Amino acid sequence: MIAELRKSTEQRMQKSLDALKSDLGKVRTGRAHTGILDHVQVDYYGSVMPISQVANITLIDARTIGVQPWEKPMVAKVEKAIRDADLGLNPATQGDVIRVPMPALTEERRRDLIKVVKHEGENAKVAIRNQRRDANNHLKEALKKKEVAEDEERRTQDDIQKLTDRYVAEVDKLLADKEKDLMAV
């Protein structure tokens, strides 16, 4: 049971790390990339949905993303959602197509992107810590049910803490690398 708990916890922590890598890959330095809008949420008739479920997202050119909502009344809501997403983007509507030009990377824009990257990193760290908490709670329940001995529970908690520290350090390393990439001119 203990080995199974360690293994499942490590797998979940690895998934959190992989998700962070995927998110960091979407933060582009100067070129347009449709993945930038993946986290934008749109109010769709009272329920909040990802933008990809209410609009078609394409690349118009290397520096412009095109967003075409499937329903005409949604154009204003999608445009507002993109503007409010704190990505530093300023969409412009042309008929029923929303053009999202990628701003040139000024020093200020690079700093904004670093804030976004750090926020993603913090979310990954929180996910990893939550997995540690879940594993520790599972251990405490097993201890109450007398399925594991106290010293075994303590040892496993220490192992899970070491695992958590290792994954948090990897998150920090990924963030430092991405920050270095963003600040390179």
Protein backbone atom coordinates (compact mmCIF):
# COMPACT_ATOMS: atom_id res chain seq x y z
CA MET A 1 0.00 0.00 0.00
CA ILE A 2 2.81 2.43 0.88
CA ALA A 3 4.70 1.78 -2.37
CA GLU A 4 1.47 2.24 -4.32
CA LEU A 5 0.79 5.55 -2.57
CA ARG A 6 4.33 6.81 -3.31
CA LYS A 7 4.05 5.78 -6.94
CA SER A 8 0.64 7.39 -7.52
CA THR A 9 1.74 10.59 -5.75
CA GLU A 10 4.88 10.80 -7.88
CA GLN A 11 2.85 10.20 -11.05
CA ARG A 12 0.41 12.99 -10.16
CA MET A 13 3.31 15.36 -9.37
CA GLN A 14 4.89 14.49 -12.73
CA LYS A 15 1.58 15.28 -14.47
CA SER A 16 1.55 18.70 -12.78
CA LEU A 17 5.09 19.30 -14.00
CA ASP A 18 4.16 18.20 -17.54
CA ALA A 19 1.16 20.53 -17.50
CA LEU A 20 3.44 23.40 -16.50
CA LYS A 21 5.85 22.56 -19.34
CA SER A 22 2.92 22.61 -21.75
CA ASP A 23 1.69 25.96 -20.40
CA LEU A 24 5.17 27.50 -20.59
CA GLY A 25 5.49 26.30 -24.17
CA LYS A 26 2.44 28.37 -25.04
CA VAL A 27 4.03 31.59 -23.79
CA ARG A 28 5.65 32.79 -26.98
CA THR A 29 8.15 35.55 -27.08
CA GLY A 30 7.09 37.49 -30.16
CA ARG A 31 5.13 35.31 -32.53
CA ALA A 32 1.41 34.67 -32.48
CA HIS A 33 0.36 31.27 -31.15
CA THR A 34 -3.23 30.09 -30.71
CA GLY A 35 -2.30 28.33 -27.45
CA ILE A 36 -1.96 31.75 -25.80
CA LEU A 37 -5.76 31.96 -25.69
CA ASP A 38 -6.29 28.45 -24.21
CA HIS A 39 -6.88 29.77 -20.69
CA VAL A 40 -9.31 32.52 -21.73
CA GLN A 41 -12.78 31.86 -20.28
CA VAL A 42 -15.93 33.28 -21.91
CA ASP A 43 -19.34 33.84 -20.30
CA TYR A 44 -21.54 31.76 -22.60
CA TYR A 45 -25.20 32.34 -21.71
CA GLY A 46 -24.55 32.15 -17.98
CA SER A 47 -21.91 29.43 -17.90
CA VAL A 48 -18.15 29.97 -18.17
CA MET A 49 -16.47 28.06 -21.00
CA PRO A 50 -13.03 27.99 -22.63
CA ILE A 51 -12.79 30.23 -25.68
CA SER A 52 -12.05 27.22 -27.90
CA GLN A 53 -15.58 25.92 -27.23
CA VAL A 54 -17.33 29.07 -28.45
CA ALA A 55 -15.07 30.25 -31.28
CA ASN A 56 -12.72 29.13 -34.03
CA ILE A 57 -9.15 30.26 -33.35
CA THR A 58 -6.70 30.58 -36.26
CA LEU A 59 -3.46 32.32 -37.18
CA ILE A 60 -4.00 35.13 -39.67
CA ASP A 61 -0.28 35.82 -39.99
CA ALA A 62 2.86 35.46 -37.86
CA ARG A 63 1.83 38.26 -35.51
CA THR A 64 -1.99 38.08 -35.55
CA ILE A 65 -4.51 35.58 -34.17
CA GLY A 66 -8.00 35.43 -35.65
CA VAL A 67 -10.95 34.50 -33.44
CA GLN A 68 -14.31 33.85 -35.06
CA PRO A 69 -17.15 33.14 -32.61
CA TRP A 70 -19.67 30.61 -33.87
CA GLU A 71 -22.58 32.87 -32.89
CA LYS A 72 -22.85 36.53 -33.86
CA PRO A 73 -24.02 37.74 -30.38
CA MET A 74 -20.89 36.26 -28.79
CA VAL A 75 -18.45 38.56 -30.63
CA ALA A 76 -18.54 41.31 -27.97
CA LYS A 77 -18.33 38.81 -25.07
CA VAL A 78 -15.36 36.97 -26.62
CA GLU A 79 -13.57 40.26 -27.30
CA LYS A 80 -14.15 41.38 -23.70
CA ALA A 81 -12.93 38.01 -22.35
CA ILE A 82 -9.69 38.29 -24.35
CA ARG A 83 -9.13 41.87 -23.18
CA ASP A 84 -9.85 40.95 -19.52
CA ALA A 85 -7.66 37.81 -19.57
CA ASP A 86 -4.62 39.79 -18.37
CA LEU A 87 -2.50 38.63 -21.30
CA GLY A 88 -1.66 42.14 -22.50
CA LEU A 89 -3.62 41.63 -25.72
CA ASN A 90 -5.82 44.26 -27.36
CA PRO A 91 -8.35 42.59 -29.70
CA ALA A 92 -10.09 44.52 -32.50
CA THR A 93 -13.36 43.44 -34.11
CA GLN A 94 -13.80 43.49 -37.87
CA GLY A 95 -17.31 42.31 -38.66
CA ASP A 96 -17.68 38.91 -37.03
CA VAL A 97 -13.92 38.24 -36.81
CA ILE A 98 -11.84 39.38 -33.86
CA ARG A 99 -8.24 40.16 -34.77
CA VAL A 100 -5.78 39.82 -31.90
CA PRO A 101 -2.44 41.41 -32.85
CA MET A 102 0.54 40.30 -30.81
CA PRO A 103 2.24 43.34 -29.33
CA ALA A 104 5.92 43.86 -30.00
CA LEU A 105 7.98 42.65 -27.10
CA THR A 106 8.95 45.74 -25.22
CA GLU A 107 10.69 45.54 -21.87
CA GLU A 108 7.31 46.08 -20.21
CA ARG A 109 5.69 43.29 -22.25
CA ARG A 110 8.53 40.91 -21.34
CA ARG A 111 7.96 41.71 -17.66
CA ASP A 112 4.21 41.08 -18.09
CA LEU A 113 4.95 37.69 -19.67
CA ILE A 114 7.28 36.86 -16.80
CA LYS A 115 4.42 37.63 -14.39
CA VAL A 116 2.19 35.22 -16.35
CA VAL A 117 4.94 32.57 -16.28
CA LYS A 118 5.46 33.00 -12.52
CA HIS A 119 1.71 32.71 -11.96
CA GLU A 120 1.65 29.43 -13.91
CA GLY A 121 4.62 28.21 -11.87
CA GLU A 122 2.91 29.09 -8.61
CA ASN A 123 -0.19 27.16 -9.74
CA ALA A 124 2.00 24.12 -10.46
CA LYS A 125 3.64 24.38 -7.03
CA VAL A 126 0.20 24.57 -5.38
CA ALA A 127 -0.90 21.47 -7.30
CA ILE A 128 2.22 19.59 -6.18
CA ARG A 129 1.68 20.63 -2.56
CA ASN A 130 -1.96 19.57 -2.77
CA GLN A 131 -0.84 16.13 -3.89
CA ARG A 132 1.52 15.98 -0.90
CA ARG A 133 -1.36 16.92 1.39
CA ASP A 134 -3.62 14.27 -0.15
CA ALA A 135 -0.94 11.60 0.27
CA ASN A 136 -0.33 12.62 3.90
CA ASN A 137 -4.08 12.56 4.63
CA HIS A 138 -4.25 9.10 3.10
CA LEU A 139 -1.38 8.01 5.35
CA LYS A 140 -3.07 9.41 8.46
CA GLU A 141 -6.27 7.54 7.64
CA ALA A 142 -4.28 4.33 7.15
CA LEU A 143 -2.61 4.95 10.53
CA LYS A 144 -5.99 5.43 12.23
CA LYS A 145 -7.21 2.17 10.71
CA LYS A 146 -3.96 0.56 11.93
CA GLU A 147 -3.00 -0.45 8.35
CA VAL A 148 0.50 1.02 8.79
CA ALA A 149 2.83 1.48 11.76
CA GLU A 150 3.68 4.95 13.08
CA ASP A 151 7.34 4.78 12.11
CA GLU A 152 6.41 3.60 8.60
CA GLU A 153 3.93 6.46 8.30
CA ARG A 154 6.59 8.97 9.41
CA ARG A 155 9.17 7.53 6.96
CA THR A 156 6.67 7.69 4.11
CA GLN A 157 5.75 11.28 4.98
CA ASP A 158 9.46 12.16 4.82
CA ASP A 159 9.77 10.44 1.44
CA ILE A 160 6.75 12.31 0.11
CA GLN A 161 8.23 15.60 1.40
CA LYS A 162 11.50 14.85 -0.42
CA LEU A 163 9.49 14.10 -3.55
CA THR A 164 7.61 17.38 -3.16
CA ASP A 165 10.86 19.32 -2.68
CA ARG A 166 12.33 17.72 -5.81
CA TYR A 167 9.33 18.63 -7.99
CA VAL A 168 9.12 22.17 -6.59
CA ALA A 169 12.83 22.60 -7.41
CA GLU A 170 12.14 21.40 -10.97
CA VAL A 171 9.33 23.96 -11.27
CA ASP A 172 11.73 26.69 -10.10
CA LYS A 173 14.31 25.56 -12.66
CA LEU A 174 11.74 25.62 -15.49
CA LEU A 175 10.63 29.11 -14.45
CA ALA A 176 14.21 30.39 -14.32
CA ASP A 177 14.91 29.00 -17.80
CA LYS A 178 11.74 30.52 -19.26
CA GLU A 179 12.46 33.88 -17.61
CA LYS A 180 15.96 33.85 -19.10
CA ASP A 181 14.46 33.09 -22.55
CA LEU A 182 11.96 35.92 -22.23
CA MET A 183 14.54 38.49 -21.16
CA ALA A 184 16.94 37.58 -23.98
CA VAL A 185 16.71 40.22 -26.69
